[in-house]
Amino acid sequence: MLIEQTTHRIVLPNGCVALCAEQSNLPVVAMYAIVAYGSRYEPEAQAGLASLVGDLLDEGTPTRTAQDIALAIEATGGRLNAFGGYARSGLSLTALRDDFPHLLTVAADL
């Protein structure tokens, strides 16, 4: 069986580049939002900041508590992971296609 894949590259108004690889026969959406910033770019006085921010991204926002975020993800069976690494930081989101718009608003809030 041949699986068709369509790819798109979009440059957003803020200069961020969005890459999309679409396989319409799959009911799952996976998204990775990554910025080229991590601990390697931190001044010595702020060592550990990228890691700390990555760990705290899903611990609450002005409009959602950590429990609200966890329940939204858990209720759909989706997965959300925030990280702060050496060269890159960001988040990943995996959800069923029908649940993705809702979980994307949760991720955007982070």
Protein backbone atom coordinates (compact mmCIF):
# COMPACT_ATOMS: atom_id res chain seq x y z
CA MET A 1 0.00 0.00 0.00
CA LEU A 2 1.39 3.36 -1.04
CA ILE A 3 1.17 6.09 1.61
CA GLU A 4 0.84 9.58 0.20
CA GLN A 5 2.64 12.35 2.04
CA THR A 6 2.31 16.05 1.37
CA THR A 7 4.81 18.51 2.77
CA HIS A 8 4.42 22.24 3.34
CA ARG A 9 6.81 25.00 4.44
CA ILE A 10 5.22 28.19 5.77
CA VAL A 11 7.02 31.28 7.03
CA LEU A 12 4.90 32.96 9.72
CA PRO A 13 4.65 36.77 10.08
CA ASN A 14 7.01 36.63 13.09
CA GLY A 15 9.69 34.88 11.03
CA CYS A 16 9.16 31.41 12.50
CA VAL A 17 9.16 28.58 9.98
CA ALA A 18 6.44 25.94 10.14
CA LEU A 19 7.07 22.59 8.46
CA CYS A 20 4.22 20.17 7.93
CA ALA A 21 4.31 16.58 6.69
CA GLU A 22 0.77 15.35 6.15
CA GLN A 23 -0.39 11.76 5.79
CA SER A 24 -4.16 12.06 5.52
CA ASN A 25 -4.77 8.35 6.15
CA LEU A 26 -3.57 8.62 9.78
CA PRO A 27 -5.96 9.81 12.56
CA VAL A 28 -3.09 11.26 14.62
CA VAL A 29 -1.43 14.68 14.60
CA ALA A 30 2.04 15.25 16.02
CA MET A 31 3.46 18.74 16.44
CA TYR A 32 6.89 19.91 17.55
CA ALA A 33 7.50 23.58 18.36
CA ILE A 34 11.23 24.11 18.71
CA VAL A 35 13.33 27.24 19.17
CA ALA A 36 17.08 27.35 18.73
CA TYR A 37 17.74 28.36 22.30
CA GLY A 38 19.08 26.22 25.08
CA SER A 39 21.58 26.07 27.87
CA ARG A 40 24.54 26.57 25.52
CA TYR A 41 23.40 30.17 24.97
CA GLU A 42 22.92 31.08 28.63
CA PRO A 43 25.24 33.49 30.38
CA GLU A 44 27.01 31.93 33.37
CA ALA A 45 24.87 33.93 35.79
CA GLN A 46 21.73 32.29 34.31
CA ALA A 47 23.01 28.72 34.03
CA GLY A 48 20.11 26.26 34.10
CA LEU A 49 17.47 28.75 32.95
CA ALA A 50 16.51 26.89 29.74
CA SER A 51 16.11 23.64 31.62
CA LEU A 52 14.06 25.31 34.35
CA VAL A 53 11.76 27.02 31.85
CA GLY A 54 11.26 23.75 29.96
CA ASP A 55 10.38 21.94 33.18
CA LEU A 56 7.93 24.65 34.27
CA LEU A 57 6.09 25.25 30.97
CA ASP A 58 3.31 22.81 31.83
CA GLU A 59 3.09 23.78 35.50
CA GLY A 60 0.43 26.43 35.01
CA THR A 61 -0.37 29.63 33.16
CA PRO A 62 -2.40 32.72 34.05
CA THR A 63 -5.51 30.95 32.71
CA ARG A 64 -4.83 27.25 33.48
CA THR A 65 -3.48 25.44 36.51
CA ALA A 66 -1.10 22.50 36.16
CA GLN A 67 -4.03 20.23 36.97
CA ASP A 68 -6.19 21.85 34.27
CA ILE A 69 -3.43 21.25 31.73
CA ALA A 70 -2.91 17.64 32.82
CA LEU A 71 -6.66 16.90 32.77
CA ALA A 72 -7.09 18.40 29.28
CA ILE A 73 -4.32 16.18 27.94
CA GLU A 74 -5.40 13.09 29.86
CA ALA A 75 -9.07 13.42 28.89
CA THR A 76 -8.18 13.04 25.23
CA GLY A 77 -5.39 10.50 25.54
CA GLY A 78 -3.00 13.03 24.05
CA ARG A 79 0.59 13.69 25.01
CA LEU A 80 2.30 16.99 25.77
CA ASN A 81 5.98 17.34 26.60
CA ALA A 82 7.89 20.56 27.27
CA PHE A 83 11.68 20.61 27.34
CA GLY A 84 14.69 22.85 27.66
CA GLY A 85 17.79 21.27 26.21
CA TYR A 86 21.37 22.11 25.38
CA ALA A 87 20.81 23.65 21.94
CA ARG A 88 17.02 23.64 21.59
CA SER A 89 13.92 24.15 23.71
CA GLY A 90 10.27 23.64 22.96
CA LEU A 91 7.32 21.33 23.25
CA SER A 92 5.78 18.39 21.50
CA LEU A 93 2.12 17.54 21.23
CA THR A 94 0.50 14.32 19.97
CA ALA A 95 -3.26 13.90 19.73
CA LEU A 96 -6.03 12.34 17.72
CA ARG A 97 -7.00 14.54 14.78
CA ASP A 98 -10.40 15.46 16.28
CA ASP A 99 -8.83 16.48 19.62
CA PHE A 100 -5.89 18.39 18.18
CA PRO A 101 -7.51 21.86 17.88
CA HIS A 102 -8.45 21.86 21.57
CA LEU A 103 -5.04 20.62 22.71
CA LEU A 104 -3.32 23.11 20.43
CA THR A 105 -5.03 25.93 22.38
CA VAL A 106 -3.69 24.39 25.60
CA ALA A 107 -0.19 24.20 24.11
CA ALA A 108 -0.44 27.77 22.83
CA ASP A 109 -1.30 28.90 26.35
CA LEU A 110 2.00 27.44 27.56
